[in-house]
Amino acid sequence: QAAAADMYLKAKKWDKAIMLIGKNEWKDKLVEVMRTLEKTDVKALQACAAHFARWGSLQHAKETFNKLGDHAALMALHIESEKWDDAFAMLRQHPQYGDKVYLPYARWLAEN
């Protein structure tokens, strides 16, 4: 399967390559792919971010969302992973996400 993934990468068939890499959980390989992709490869970058988030590789998911400029997805990642310091730091720059942060944070406080 590694050979197939490499073949798809050489052919720039990002969707198939990322699917194989993700299925086999080749994290280092996916990081390489994500860093080679252009900002315009939105679907491929979103697929990478989804795998990183699923694997708990939050730093790589964050890097991917930043590359995409997807602030909403990045904020959702901070909230889902309960990285409240990151969420509130981002909220200072993007106050439009206040509604998305305060209620989950209040729930988290009540439960913890």
N, C-alpha and C. Protein backbone atom coordinates (compact mmCIF):
# COMPACT_ATOMS: atom_id res chain seq x y z
N GLN A 1 0.81 -1.20 0.00
CA GLN A 1 0.00 0.00 0.00
C GLN A 1 0.85 1.26 0.00
N ALA A 2 2.05 1.17 0.56
CA ALA A 2 2.94 2.33 0.56
C ALA A 2 3.32 2.71 -0.87
N ALA A 3 3.56 1.68 -1.70
CA ALA A 3 3.91 1.94 -3.10
C ALA A 3 2.74 2.60 -3.83
N ALA A 4 1.54 2.15 -3.53
CA ALA A 4 0.34 2.74 -4.16
C ALA A 4 0.19 4.19 -3.73
N ALA A 5 0.41 4.47 -2.46
CA ALA A 5 0.31 5.85 -1.97
C ALA A 5 1.33 6.74 -2.66
N ASP A 6 2.56 6.23 -2.80
CA ASP A 6 3.61 7.00 -3.48
C ASP A 6 3.25 7.25 -4.94
N MET A 7 2.66 6.25 -5.57
CA MET A 7 2.25 6.40 -6.97
C MET A 7 1.18 7.49 -7.08
N TYR A 8 0.21 7.48 -6.19
CA TYR A 8 -0.84 8.50 -6.20
C TYR A 8 -0.24 9.89 -5.95
N LEU A 9 0.73 9.96 -5.05
CA LEU A 9 1.37 11.25 -4.76
C LEU A 9 2.10 11.78 -5.99
N LYS A 10 2.83 10.92 -6.66
CA LYS A 10 3.56 11.34 -7.87
C LYS A 10 2.60 11.82 -8.95
N ALA A 11 1.43 11.18 -9.01
CA ALA A 11 0.42 11.55 -10.01
C ALA A 11 -0.44 12.73 -9.53
N LYS A 12 -0.16 13.21 -8.32
CA LYS A 12 -0.92 14.31 -7.71
C LYS A 12 -2.40 13.97 -7.56
N LYS A 13 -2.66 12.71 -7.29
CA LYS A 13 -4.01 12.24 -6.97
C LYS A 13 -4.14 12.32 -5.44
N TRP A 14 -4.23 13.55 -4.96
CA TRP A 14 -4.16 13.81 -3.53
C TRP A 14 -5.21 13.04 -2.74
N ASP A 15 -6.45 13.02 -3.24
CA ASP A 15 -7.53 12.39 -2.49
C ASP A 15 -7.25 10.92 -2.23
N LYS A 16 -6.80 10.21 -3.26
CA LYS A 16 -6.53 8.77 -3.10
C LYS A 16 -5.32 8.53 -2.21
N ALA A 17 -4.29 9.35 -2.39
CA ALA A 17 -3.07 9.21 -1.58
C ALA A 17 -3.39 9.47 -0.11
N ILE A 18 -4.11 10.54 0.16
CA ILE A 18 -4.44 10.90 1.55
C ILE A 18 -5.34 9.84 2.19
N MET A 19 -6.25 9.29 1.40
CA MET A 19 -7.12 8.24 1.91
C MET A 19 -6.28 7.03 2.35
N LEU A 20 -5.35 6.61 1.51
CA LEU A 20 -4.49 5.46 1.85
C LEU A 20 -3.59 5.76 3.04
N ILE A 21 -3.00 6.94 3.03
CA ILE A 21 -2.10 7.32 4.12
C ILE A 21 -2.87 7.38 5.44
N GLY A 22 -4.06 7.96 5.38
CA GLY A 22 -4.89 8.05 6.58
C GLY A 22 -5.34 6.70 7.09
N LYS A 23 -5.74 5.84 6.16
CA LYS A 23 -6.20 4.49 6.52
C LYS A 23 -5.09 3.71 7.24
N ASN A 24 -3.86 3.93 6.80
CA ASN A 24 -2.72 3.21 7.39
C ASN A 24 -2.05 3.97 8.54
N GLU A 25 -2.59 5.16 8.83
CA GLU A 25 -2.09 5.99 9.93
C GLU A 25 -0.59 6.28 9.82
N TRP A 26 -0.16 6.65 8.61
CA TRP A 26 1.24 7.04 8.39
C TRP A 26 1.34 8.55 8.63
N LYS A 27 1.47 8.90 9.91
CA LYS A 27 1.40 10.30 10.31
C LYS A 27 2.51 11.14 9.70
N ASP A 28 3.74 10.65 9.74
CA ASP A 28 4.86 11.43 9.20
C ASP A 28 4.68 11.68 7.71
N LYS A 29 4.19 10.69 7.01
CA LYS A 29 3.95 10.82 5.57
C LYS A 29 2.88 11.88 5.30
N LEU A 30 1.84 11.86 6.13
CA LEU A 30 0.76 12.84 5.93
C LEU A 30 1.24 14.26 6.22
N VAL A 31 2.11 14.41 7.19
CA VAL A 31 2.69 15.73 7.48
C VAL A 31 3.45 16.23 6.25
N GLU A 32 4.24 15.36 5.64
CA GLU A 32 4.98 15.73 4.42
C GLU A 32 4.03 16.18 3.32
N VAL A 33 2.97 15.40 3.12
CA VAL A 33 2.00 15.72 2.07
C VAL A 33 1.34 17.06 2.36
N MET A 34 0.89 17.25 3.60
CA MET A 34 0.21 18.49 3.97
C MET A 34 1.11 19.70 3.71
N ARG A 35 2.38 19.57 4.02
CA ARG A 35 3.30 20.69 3.84
C ARG A 35 3.65 20.95 2.38
N THR A 36 3.46 19.96 1.53
CA THR A 36 3.71 20.16 0.09
C THR A 36 2.51 20.75 -0.64
N LEU A 37 1.32 20.54 -0.08
CA LEU A 37 0.12 21.02 -0.73
C LEU A 37 0.06 22.55 -0.73
N GLU A 38 -0.58 23.08 -1.76
CA GLU A 38 -0.81 24.52 -1.86
C GLU A 38 -2.09 24.88 -1.10
N LYS A 39 -2.21 26.14 -0.73
CA LYS A 39 -3.43 26.61 -0.05
C LYS A 39 -4.68 26.35 -0.87
N THR A 40 -4.51 26.31 -2.17
CA THR A 40 -5.66 26.11 -3.06
C THR A 40 -6.14 24.66 -3.11
N ASP A 41 -5.36 23.73 -2.54
CA ASP A 41 -5.75 22.32 -2.49
C ASP A 41 -6.65 22.10 -1.27
N VAL A 42 -7.76 22.81 -1.25
CA VAL A 42 -8.61 22.88 -0.07
C VAL A 42 -9.13 21.51 0.37
N LYS A 43 -9.70 20.74 -0.55
CA LYS A 43 -10.26 19.44 -0.17
C LYS A 43 -9.19 18.52 0.41
N ALA A 44 -8.02 18.52 -0.21
CA ALA A 44 -6.93 17.66 0.27
C ALA A 44 -6.46 18.11 1.65
N LEU A 45 -6.33 19.40 1.85
CA LEU A 45 -5.91 19.91 3.16
C LEU A 45 -6.96 19.62 4.23
N GLN A 46 -8.23 19.74 3.87
CA GLN A 46 -9.28 19.42 4.83
C GLN A 46 -9.25 17.95 5.21
N ALA A 47 -8.95 17.09 4.24
CA ALA A 47 -8.84 15.65 4.53
C ALA A 47 -7.66 15.39 5.47
N CYS A 48 -6.55 16.07 5.22
CA CYS A 48 -5.39 15.94 6.11
C CYS A 48 -5.75 16.36 7.53
N ALA A 49 -6.39 17.52 7.65
CA ALA A 49 -6.76 18.04 8.97
C ALA A 49 -7.69 17.06 9.69
N ALA A 50 -8.61 16.46 8.97
CA ALA A 50 -9.54 15.50 9.59
C ALA A 50 -8.78 14.30 10.15
N HIS A 51 -7.80 13.80 9.40
CA HIS A 51 -7.00 12.67 9.90
C HIS A 51 -6.20 13.09 11.13
N PHE A 52 -5.56 14.26 11.06
CA PHE A 52 -4.77 14.72 12.20
C PHE A 52 -5.64 14.85 13.45
N ALA A 53 -6.81 15.43 13.29
CA ALA A 53 -7.71 15.61 14.43
C ALA A 53 -8.15 14.25 14.97
N ARG A 54 -8.46 13.33 14.08
CA ARG A 54 -8.89 11.98 14.50
C ARG A 54 -7.78 11.27 15.27
N TRP A 55 -6.56 11.49 14.85
CA TRP A 55 -5.41 10.85 15.52
C TRP A 55 -4.99 11.58 16.79
N GLY A 56 -5.58 12.74 17.05
CA GLY A 56 -5.17 13.52 18.21
C GLY A 56 -3.89 14.30 17.98
N SER A 57 -3.51 14.43 16.73
CA SER A 57 -2.31 15.19 16.37
C SER A 57 -2.71 16.66 16.17
N LEU A 58 -3.01 17.30 17.29
CA LEU A 58 -3.62 18.63 17.26
C LEU A 58 -2.71 19.69 16.66
N GLN A 59 -1.42 19.59 16.90
CA GLN A 59 -0.49 20.59 16.36
C GLN A 59 -0.51 20.55 14.83
N HIS A 60 -0.56 19.37 14.25
CA HIS A 60 -0.60 19.26 12.78
C HIS A 60 -1.96 19.69 12.23
N ALA A 61 -3.02 19.38 12.95
CA ALA A 61 -4.34 19.84 12.53
C ALA A 61 -4.38 21.36 12.55
N LYS A 62 -3.81 21.94 13.60
CA LYS A 62 -3.76 23.40 13.74
C LYS A 62 -2.96 24.01 12.59
N GLU A 63 -1.82 23.42 12.28
CA GLU A 63 -0.98 23.89 11.17
C GLU A 63 -1.75 23.85 9.85
N THR A 64 -2.52 22.79 9.66
CA THR A 64 -3.29 22.64 8.43
C THR A 64 -4.40 23.69 8.34
N PHE A 65 -5.13 23.89 9.43
CA PHE A 65 -6.20 24.89 9.41
C PHE A 65 -5.63 26.30 9.22
N ASN A 66 -4.47 26.56 9.81
CA ASN A 66 -3.83 27.86 9.59
C ASN A 66 -3.44 28.04 8.13
N LYS A 67 -2.94 26.99 7.52
CA LYS A 67 -2.57 27.05 6.11
C LYS A 67 -3.79 27.37 5.25
N LEU A 68 -4.92 26.78 5.62
CA LEU A 68 -6.17 27.01 4.90
C LEU A 68 -6.77 28.38 5.22
N GLY A 69 -6.36 28.96 6.33
CA GLY A 69 -7.00 30.20 6.78
C GLY A 69 -8.41 29.93 7.30
N ASP A 70 -8.65 28.72 7.76
CA ASP A 70 -9.98 28.31 8.23
C ASP A 70 -10.08 28.55 9.73
N HIS A 71 -10.42 29.77 10.10
CA HIS A 71 -10.49 30.14 11.51
C HIS A 71 -11.61 29.42 12.25
N ALA A 72 -12.72 29.21 11.58
CA ALA A 72 -13.85 28.52 12.22
C ALA A 72 -13.48 27.08 12.60
N ALA A 73 -12.81 26.38 11.68
CA ALA A 73 -12.40 25.00 11.97
C ALA A 73 -11.34 24.97 13.06
N LEU A 74 -10.45 25.95 13.04
CA LEU A 74 -9.41 26.01 14.07
C LEU A 74 -10.04 26.26 15.44
N MET A 75 -11.00 27.16 15.49
CA MET A 75 -11.69 27.42 16.76
C MET A 75 -12.42 26.17 17.23
N ALA A 76 -13.09 25.47 16.32
CA ALA A 76 -13.78 24.23 16.68
C ALA A 76 -12.79 23.20 17.23
N LEU A 77 -11.61 23.13 16.65
CA LEU A 77 -10.58 22.20 17.13
C LEU A 77 -10.17 22.54 18.56
N HIS A 78 -9.95 23.83 18.83
CA HIS A 78 -9.60 24.25 20.20
C HIS A 78 -10.69 23.87 21.19
N ILE A 79 -11.93 24.09 20.79
CA ILE A 79 -13.06 23.81 21.69
C ILE A 79 -13.21 22.31 21.91
N GLU A 80 -13.19 21.53 20.83
CA GLU A 80 -13.36 20.07 20.96
C GLU A 80 -12.25 19.44 21.78
N SER A 81 -11.04 20.00 21.68
CA SER A 81 -9.92 19.44 22.43
C SER A 81 -9.74 20.11 23.79
N GLU A 82 -10.68 21.01 24.12
CA GLU A 82 -10.68 21.72 25.39
C GLU A 82 -9.38 22.48 25.64
N LYS A 83 -8.86 23.06 24.59
CA LYS A 83 -7.67 23.92 24.67
C LYS A 83 -8.17 25.35 24.85
N TRP A 84 -8.64 25.64 26.07
CA TRP A 84 -9.33 26.90 26.33
C TRP A 84 -8.41 28.11 26.20
N ASP A 85 -7.14 27.97 26.61
CA ASP A 85 -6.21 29.10 26.46
C ASP A 85 -6.07 29.48 24.99
N ASP A 86 -5.94 28.47 24.13
CA ASP A 86 -5.84 28.73 22.69
C ASP A 86 -7.13 29.33 22.14
N ALA A 87 -8.26 28.81 22.61
CA ALA A 87 -9.55 29.32 22.14
C ALA A 87 -9.73 30.79 22.51
N PHE A 88 -9.38 31.14 23.75
CA PHE A 88 -9.56 32.53 24.18
C PHE A 88 -8.52 33.45 23.55
N ALA A 89 -7.33 32.95 23.29
CA ALA A 89 -6.33 33.76 22.58
C ALA A 89 -6.82 34.06 21.17
N MET A 90 -7.38 33.06 20.53
CA MET A 90 -7.91 33.26 19.18
C MET A 90 -9.14 34.17 19.20
N LEU A 91 -9.93 34.06 20.25
CA LEU A 91 -11.13 34.88 20.38
C LEU A 91 -10.78 36.37 20.44
N ARG A 92 -9.64 36.71 21.02
CA ARG A 92 -9.22 38.11 21.07
C ARG A 92 -9.02 38.67 19.66
N GLN A 93 -8.56 37.83 18.74
CA GLN A 93 -8.34 38.26 17.36
C GLN A 93 -9.60 38.11 16.50
N HIS A 94 -10.47 37.21 16.91
CA HIS A 94 -11.68 36.91 16.12
C HIS A 94 -12.90 36.88 17.05
N PRO A 95 -13.33 38.05 17.51
CA PRO A 95 -14.43 38.09 18.49
C PRO A 95 -15.75 37.55 17.96
N GLN A 96 -15.87 37.37 16.67
CA GLN A 96 -17.13 36.85 16.10
C GLN A 96 -17.40 35.41 16.54
N TYR A 97 -16.40 34.73 17.12
CA TYR A 97 -16.60 33.34 17.55
C TYR A 97 -16.98 33.23 19.03
N GLY A 98 -17.30 34.35 19.65
CA GLY A 98 -17.64 34.35 21.07
C GLY A 98 -18.75 33.38 21.42
N ASP A 99 -19.81 33.35 20.60
CA ASP A 99 -20.93 32.45 20.85
C ASP A 99 -20.51 30.99 20.83
N LYS A 100 -19.51 30.68 20.04
CA LYS A 100 -19.06 29.29 19.91
C LYS A 100 -18.17 28.86 21.07
N VAL A 101 -17.60 29.84 21.80
CA VAL A 101 -16.65 29.53 22.86
C VAL A 101 -17.28 29.54 24.25
N TYR A 102 -18.07 30.57 24.54
CA TYR A 102 -18.52 30.77 25.92
C TYR A 102 -19.39 29.64 26.46
N LEU A 103 -20.34 29.17 25.70
CA LEU A 103 -21.23 28.12 26.19
C LEU A 103 -20.48 26.80 26.44
N PRO A 104 -19.67 26.32 25.47
CA PRO A 104 -18.92 25.08 25.77
C PRO A 104 -17.95 25.26 26.94
N TYR A 105 -17.38 26.45 27.08
CA TYR A 105 -16.47 26.69 28.18
C TYR A 105 -17.24 26.67 29.52
N ALA A 106 -18.42 27.26 29.54
CA ALA A 106 -19.24 27.24 30.75
C ALA A 106 -19.62 25.82 31.13
N ARG A 107 -19.98 25.01 30.11
CA ARG A 107 -20.29 23.59 30.38
C ARG A 107 -19.09 22.88 30.96
N TRP A 108 -17.93 23.13 30.36
CA TRP A 108 -16.70 22.49 30.82
C TRP A 108 -16.40 22.88 32.26
N LEU A 109 -16.57 24.17 32.58
CA LEU A 109 -16.34 24.62 33.95
C LEU A 109 -17.28 23.94 34.92
N ALA A 110 -18.54 23.82 34.52
CA ALA A 110 -19.54 23.20 35.40
C ALA A 110 -19.24 21.73 35.65
N GLU A 111 -18.69 21.06 34.64
CA GLU A 111 -18.40 19.62 34.76
C GLU A 111 -17.07 19.34 35.43
N ASN A 112 -16.19 20.34 35.42
CA ASN A 112 -14.84 20.11 35.98
C ASN A 112 -14.69 20.96 37.19
